[in-house]
C-alpha atoms as a PDB file:
ATOM      1  CA  UNK A   1     101.916  79.888 118.656  1.00  0.00           C
ATOM      2  CA  UNK A   2     103.729  81.321 115.615  1.00  0.00           C
ATOM      3  CA  UNK A   3     106.959  82.457 117.171  1.00  0.00           C
ATOM      4  CA  UNK A   4     108.714  82.486 113.789  1.00  0.00           C
ATOM      5  CA  UNK A   5     106.416  85.085 112.277  1.00  0.00           C
ATOM      6  CA  UNK A   6     108.224  88.403 112.446  1.00  0.00           C
ATOM      7  CA  UNK A   7     106.523  91.621 113.565  1.00  0.00           C
ATOM      8  CA  UNK A   8     105.798  93.768 110.512  1.00  0.00           C
ATOM      9  CA  UNK A   9     104.349  96.838 112.217  1.00  0.00           C
ATOM     10  CA  UNK A  10     106.807  99.696 112.561  1.00  0.00           C
ATOM     11  CA  UNK A  11     109.301  98.634 109.905  1.00  0.00           C
ATOM     12  CA  UNK A  12     111.195 101.368 108.066  1.00  0.00           C
ATOM     13  CA  UNK A  13     110.453 101.357 105.238  1.00  0.00           C
ATOM     14  CA  UNK A  14     106.993  99.934 105.810  1.00  0.00           C
ATOM     15  CA  UNK A  15     106.327  96.231 105.256  1.00  0.00           C
ATOM     16  CA  UNK A  16     106.012  95.331 101.602  1.00  0.00           C
ATOM     17  CA  UNK A  17     103.112  93.372 100.150  1.00  0.00           C
ATOM     18  CA  UNK A  18     105.539  90.449  99.689  1.00  0.00           C
ATOM     19  CA  UNK A  19     106.516  90.510 103.373  1.00  0.00           C
ATOM     20  CA  UNK A  20     102.867  90.605 104.449  1.00  0.00           C
ATOM     21  CA  UNK A  21     101.996  87.697 102.158  1.00  0.00           C
ATOM     22  CA  UNK A  22     105.007  85.694 103.395  1.00  0.00           C
ATOM     23  CA  UNK A  23     103.828  86.143 106.996  1.00  0.00           C
ATOM     24  CA  UNK A  24     100.271  85.147 106.010  1.00  0.00           C
ATOM     25  CA  UNK A  25     101.645  82.054 104.260  1.00  0.00           C
ATOM     26  CA  UNK A  26     103.615  81.079 107.400  1.00  0.00           C
ATOM     27  CA  UNK A  27     100.512  81.529 109.530  1.00  0.00           C
ATOM     28  CA  UNK A  28      98.325  79.421 107.226  1.00  0.00           C
ATOM     29  CA  UNK A  29     100.996  76.692 107.067  1.00  0.00           C
ATOM     30  CA  UNK A  30     101.194  76.633 110.858  1.00  0.00           C
ATOM     31  CA  UNK A  31      97.483  76.489 111.642  1.00  0.00           C
ATOM     32  CA  UNK A  32      96.614  74.110 108.786  1.00  0.00           C
ATOM     33  CA  UNK A  33      99.545  71.743 109.133  1.00  0.00           C
ATOM     34  CA  UNK A  34      99.897  71.811 105.344  1.00  0.00           C
ATOM     35  CA  UNK A  35     103.578  71.909 104.433  1.00  0.00           C
ATOM     36  CA  UNK A  36     103.365  71.072 100.734  1.00  0.00           C
ATOM     37  CA  UNK A  37     100.406  71.818  98.531  1.00  0.00           C
ATOM     38  CA  UNK A  38      98.468  69.151  96.671  1.00  0.00           C
ATOM     39  CA  UNK A  39      95.575  69.578  94.259  1.00  0.00           C
ATOM     40  CA  UNK A  40      93.269  68.804  97.198  1.00  0.00           C
ATOM     41  CA  UNK A  41      94.755  71.427  99.558  1.00  0.00           C
ATOM     42  CA  UNK A  42      95.880  74.223  97.240  1.00  0.00           C
ATOM     43  CA  UNK A  43      92.559  76.056  96.644  1.00  0.00           C
ATOM     44  CA  UNK A  44      91.650  76.361 100.331  1.00  0.00           C
ATOM     45  CA  UNK A  45      95.239  77.151 101.318  1.00  0.00           C
ATOM     46  CA  UNK A  46      95.652  79.921  98.732  1.00  0.00           C
ATOM     47  CA  UNK A  47      92.240  81.401  99.573  1.00  0.00           C
ATOM     48  CA  UNK A  48      93.221  81.568 103.242  1.00  0.00           C
ATOM     49  CA  UNK A  49      96.537  83.238 102.343  1.00  0.00           C
ATOM     50  CA  UNK A  50      94.699  85.870 100.268  1.00  0.00           C
ATOM     51  CA  UNK A  51      92.195  86.602 103.038  1.00  0.00           C
ATOM     52  CA  UNK A  52      94.818  86.823 105.779  1.00  0.00           C
ATOM     53  CA  UNK A  53      97.079  88.971 103.594  1.00  0.00           C
ATOM     54  CA  UNK A  54      94.171  91.355 102.983  1.00  0.00           C
ATOM     55  CA  UNK A  55      93.275  91.485 106.688  1.00  0.00           C
ATOM     56  CA  UNK A  56      96.897  91.938 107.766  1.00  0.00           C
ATOM     57  CA  UNK A  57      97.372  94.765 105.260  1.00  0.00           C
ATOM     58  CA  UNK A  58      94.289  96.527 106.627  1.00  0.00           C
ATOM     59  CA  UNK A  59      95.457  95.999 110.202  1.00  0.00           C
ATOM     60  CA  UNK A  60      98.939  97.393 109.537  1.00  0.00           C
ATOM     61  CA  UNK A  61      97.462 100.404 107.738  1.00  0.00           C
ATOM     62  CA  UNK A  62      94.972 101.241 110.490  1.00  0.00           C
ATOM     63  CA  UNK A  63      97.124 100.749 113.589  1.00  0.00           C
ATOM     64  CA  UNK A  64      98.849 103.836 115.027  1.00  0.00           C
ATOM     65  CA  UNK A  65     102.632 104.092 114.566  1.00  0.00           C
ATOM     66  CA  UNK A  66     104.825 102.097 116.931  1.00  0.00           C
ATOM     67  CA  UNK A  67     106.930 103.918 119.482  1.00  0.00           C
ATOM     68  CA  UNK A  68     109.855 101.553 118.964  1.00  0.00           C
ATOM     69  CA  UNK A  69     110.773  99.508 115.910  1.00  0.00           C
ATOM     70  CA  UNK A  70     110.476  95.712 115.948  1.00  0.00           C
ATOM     71  CA  UNK A  71     113.489  93.786 117.265  1.00  0.00           C
ATOM     72  CA  UNK A  72     114.146  91.745 114.116  1.00  0.00           C
ATOM     73  CA  UNK A  73     113.811  92.148 110.372  1.00  0.00           C
ATOM     74  CA  UNK A  74     111.423  89.893 108.432  1.00  0.00           C
ATOM     75  CA  UNK A  75     113.119  86.998 106.583  1.00  0.00           C
ATOM     76  CA  UNK A  76     112.712  88.585 103.133  1.00  0.00           C
ATOM     77  CA  UNK A  77     114.382  91.764 104.383  1.00  0.00           C
ATOM     78  CA  UNK A  78     117.197  89.776 106.001  1.00  0.00           C
ATOM     79  CA  UNK A  79     118.004  88.253 102.611  1.00  0.00           C
ATOM     80  CA  UNK A  80     118.379  91.663 100.958  1.00  0.00           C
ATOM     81  CA  UNK A  81     120.459  92.975 103.872  1.00  0.00           C
ATOM     82  CA  UNK A  82     122.793  89.983 103.647  1.00  0.00           C
ATOM     83  CA  UNK A  83     123.125  90.496  99.879  1.00  0.00           C
ATOM     84  CA  UNK A  84     123.959  94.184 100.321  1.00  0.00           C
ATOM     85  CA  UNK A  85     126.542  93.389 103.009  1.00  0.00           C
ATOM     86  CA  UNK A  86     128.126  90.700 100.823  1.00  0.00           C
ATOM     87  CA  UNK A  87     128.276  93.067  97.822  1.00  0.00           C
ATOM     88  CA  UNK A  88     129.885  95.799  99.967  1.00  0.00           C
ATOM     89  CA  UNK A  89     132.872  93.558 100.759  1.00  0.00           C
END
């Protein structure tokens, strides 16, 4: 269903709170169909993001370590990698 949500388990260094929240936000956007927030949708949307972020953080903390790292970096990490590569040139 959410093919664009990147695997966060097994990242080195571990997934940041920002990466976990970004994934939660993608998930809530996908299942709710809400693409832009309005005064009518914002409270429920943000509450769902908080709850899913909390649950995802607990899940990632309690799962055993992965044997192999995920195949791709999360979008927020890709941005910092691209910046570092650009600055190295």
